[in-house]
Amino acid sequence: MQPLPGGFDSGAALDAARTLSEIVFGDQTASDAQKLATILGGARIADMTAVFTVSIDDSLSRPGVQRVAAAARTAGMTVTSLELSGVGHLAGALNAGLGQGFAVLYPRLGLARP
């Protein structure tokens, strides 16, 4: 595994066994407790808006984003999920979703569109 610029090791982020071993010392219960979908599953969060963006072609991230968005919705949050085409992974999906995301957030934050 080669680290990406800035020190982020993409392999570690994608290697569940290594992450489990190195971050929570093999404690699966501790690992599960830190997952956002788990945290949201036990919460009731009203009066909060969330925008999730993901590339429709991102087979690694899309299922997780869908799970977290569903958990946020179940917790009572107002959720907008943007599954975008042709935007790539990570920053591409974020950048492509900013305009639509801000359109959702402006009225929620009491702001006018520029």
Protein backbone atom coordinates (compact mmCIF):
# COMPACT_ATOMS: atom_id res chain seq x y z
CA MET A 1 0.00 0.00 0.00
CA GLN A 2 1.34 3.39 -0.97
CA PRO A 3 0.40 6.43 1.11
CA LEU A 4 -1.32 9.27 -0.68
CA PRO A 5 0.09 12.82 -0.55
CA GLY A 6 -0.44 14.39 2.84
CA GLY A 7 0.09 11.12 4.70
CA PHE A 8 -3.35 9.60 4.16
CA ASP A 9 -2.90 5.89 3.66
CA SER A 10 -5.79 4.86 1.42
CA GLY A 11 -5.07 1.18 2.04
CA ALA A 12 -5.48 1.55 5.80
CA ALA A 13 -8.80 3.31 5.31
CA LEU A 14 -10.04 0.48 3.14
CA ASP A 15 -8.52 -2.44 5.05
CA ALA A 16 -11.06 -3.26 7.75
CA ALA A 17 -8.92 -5.91 9.47
CA ARG A 18 -5.91 -3.61 9.75
CA THR A 19 -8.05 -0.73 10.97
CA LEU A 20 -9.71 -2.96 13.56
CA SER A 21 -6.34 -4.20 14.77
CA GLU A 22 -4.52 -0.86 14.86
CA ILE A 23 -7.24 1.55 15.94
CA VAL A 24 -9.32 -0.41 18.47
CA PHE A 25 -6.88 -3.24 19.19
CA GLY A 26 -9.16 -5.91 17.75
CA ASP A 27 -12.25 -4.89 19.72
CA GLN A 28 -15.11 -5.27 17.22
CA THR A 29 -17.68 -3.94 19.71
CA ALA A 30 -15.67 -0.75 20.19
CA SER A 31 -15.27 -0.41 16.44
CA ASP A 32 -19.00 -0.84 15.80
CA ALA A 33 -19.87 1.68 18.52
CA GLN A 34 -17.87 4.38 16.69
CA LYS A 35 -19.60 3.93 13.34
CA LEU A 36 -21.85 6.83 12.41
CA ALA A 37 -24.74 4.57 11.44
CA THR A 38 -24.57 2.95 14.91
CA ILE A 39 -24.48 6.31 16.68
CA LEU A 40 -27.40 7.60 14.62
CA GLY A 41 -29.32 4.37 15.15
CA GLY A 42 -29.67 5.12 18.83
CA ALA A 43 -30.38 8.82 18.47
CA ARG A 44 -33.32 11.11 17.93
CA ILE A 45 -32.08 14.24 16.18
CA ALA A 46 -34.77 16.69 15.21
CA ASP A 47 -34.32 20.09 13.61
CA MET A 48 -31.15 19.14 11.75
CA THR A 49 -30.48 19.05 8.03
CA ALA A 50 -27.85 16.89 6.36
CA VAL A 51 -26.64 16.71 2.77
CA PHE A 52 -24.81 13.60 1.58
CA THR A 53 -22.95 13.47 -1.73
CA VAL A 54 -21.50 10.45 -3.47
CA SER A 55 -20.65 9.38 -6.98
CA ILE A 56 -23.18 6.97 -8.41
CA ASP A 57 -20.17 5.03 -9.75
CA ASP A 58 -18.34 4.83 -6.40
CA SER A 59 -18.86 1.21 -5.41
CA LEU A 60 -16.67 1.62 -2.31
CA SER A 61 -18.33 4.65 -0.72
CA ARG A 62 -21.88 4.59 -2.06
CA PRO A 63 -23.26 1.77 0.13
CA GLY A 64 -21.87 3.39 3.28
CA VAL A 65 -23.20 6.82 2.34
CA GLN A 66 -26.62 5.26 1.69
CA ARG A 67 -26.55 3.50 5.09
CA VAL A 68 -25.60 6.67 6.96
CA ALA A 69 -28.17 8.78 5.10
CA ALA A 70 -30.87 6.22 5.95
CA ALA A 71 -29.78 6.17 9.60
CA ALA A 72 -29.84 9.98 9.73
CA ARG A 73 -33.33 10.00 8.22
CA THR A 74 -34.50 7.38 10.75
CA ALA A 75 -33.03 9.50 13.55
CA GLY A 76 -35.29 12.34 12.47
CA MET A 77 -32.92 14.47 10.41
CA THR A 78 -34.01 16.12 7.18
CA VAL A 79 -31.78 14.39 4.64
CA THR A 80 -30.88 15.21 1.06
CA SER A 81 -28.90 12.51 -0.72
CA LEU A 82 -27.14 13.49 -3.92
CA GLU A 83 -25.90 10.59 -6.04
CA LEU A 84 -23.94 12.27 -8.79
CA SER A 85 -22.75 10.89 -12.10
CA GLY A 86 -19.22 11.17 -13.45
CA VAL A 87 -17.71 12.98 -10.45
CA GLY A 88 -15.25 10.42 -9.11
CA HIS A 89 -14.44 9.68 -5.52
CA LEU A 90 -14.13 11.96 -2.46
CA ALA A 91 -13.39 15.56 -3.47
CA GLY A 92 -15.05 15.14 -6.86
CA ALA A 93 -18.35 14.10 -5.28
CA LEU A 94 -18.09 16.80 -2.64
CA ASN A 95 -17.27 19.59 -5.09
CA ALA A 96 -19.94 18.51 -7.56
CA GLY A 97 -22.55 18.47 -4.80
CA LEU A 98 -21.73 21.82 -3.23
CA GLY A 99 -24.08 23.89 -5.40
CA GLN A 100 -27.05 21.60 -4.81
CA GLY A 101 -26.11 21.18 -1.17
CA PHE A 102 -25.97 24.91 -0.57
CA ALA A 103 -29.37 25.28 -2.27
CA VAL A 104 -30.73 23.01 0.47
CA LEU A 105 -28.78 24.69 3.27
CA TYR A 106 -29.33 28.39 2.43
CA PRO A 107 -32.97 28.50 3.54
CA ARG A 108 -32.24 26.24 6.52
CA LEU A 109 -29.55 28.66 7.67
CA GLY A 110 -31.67 31.74 6.94
CA LEU A 111 -29.38 32.85 4.11
CA ALA A 112 -30.20 34.19 0.67
CA ARG A 113 -28.61 32.62 -2.37
CA PRO A 114 -25.78 34.76 -3.73
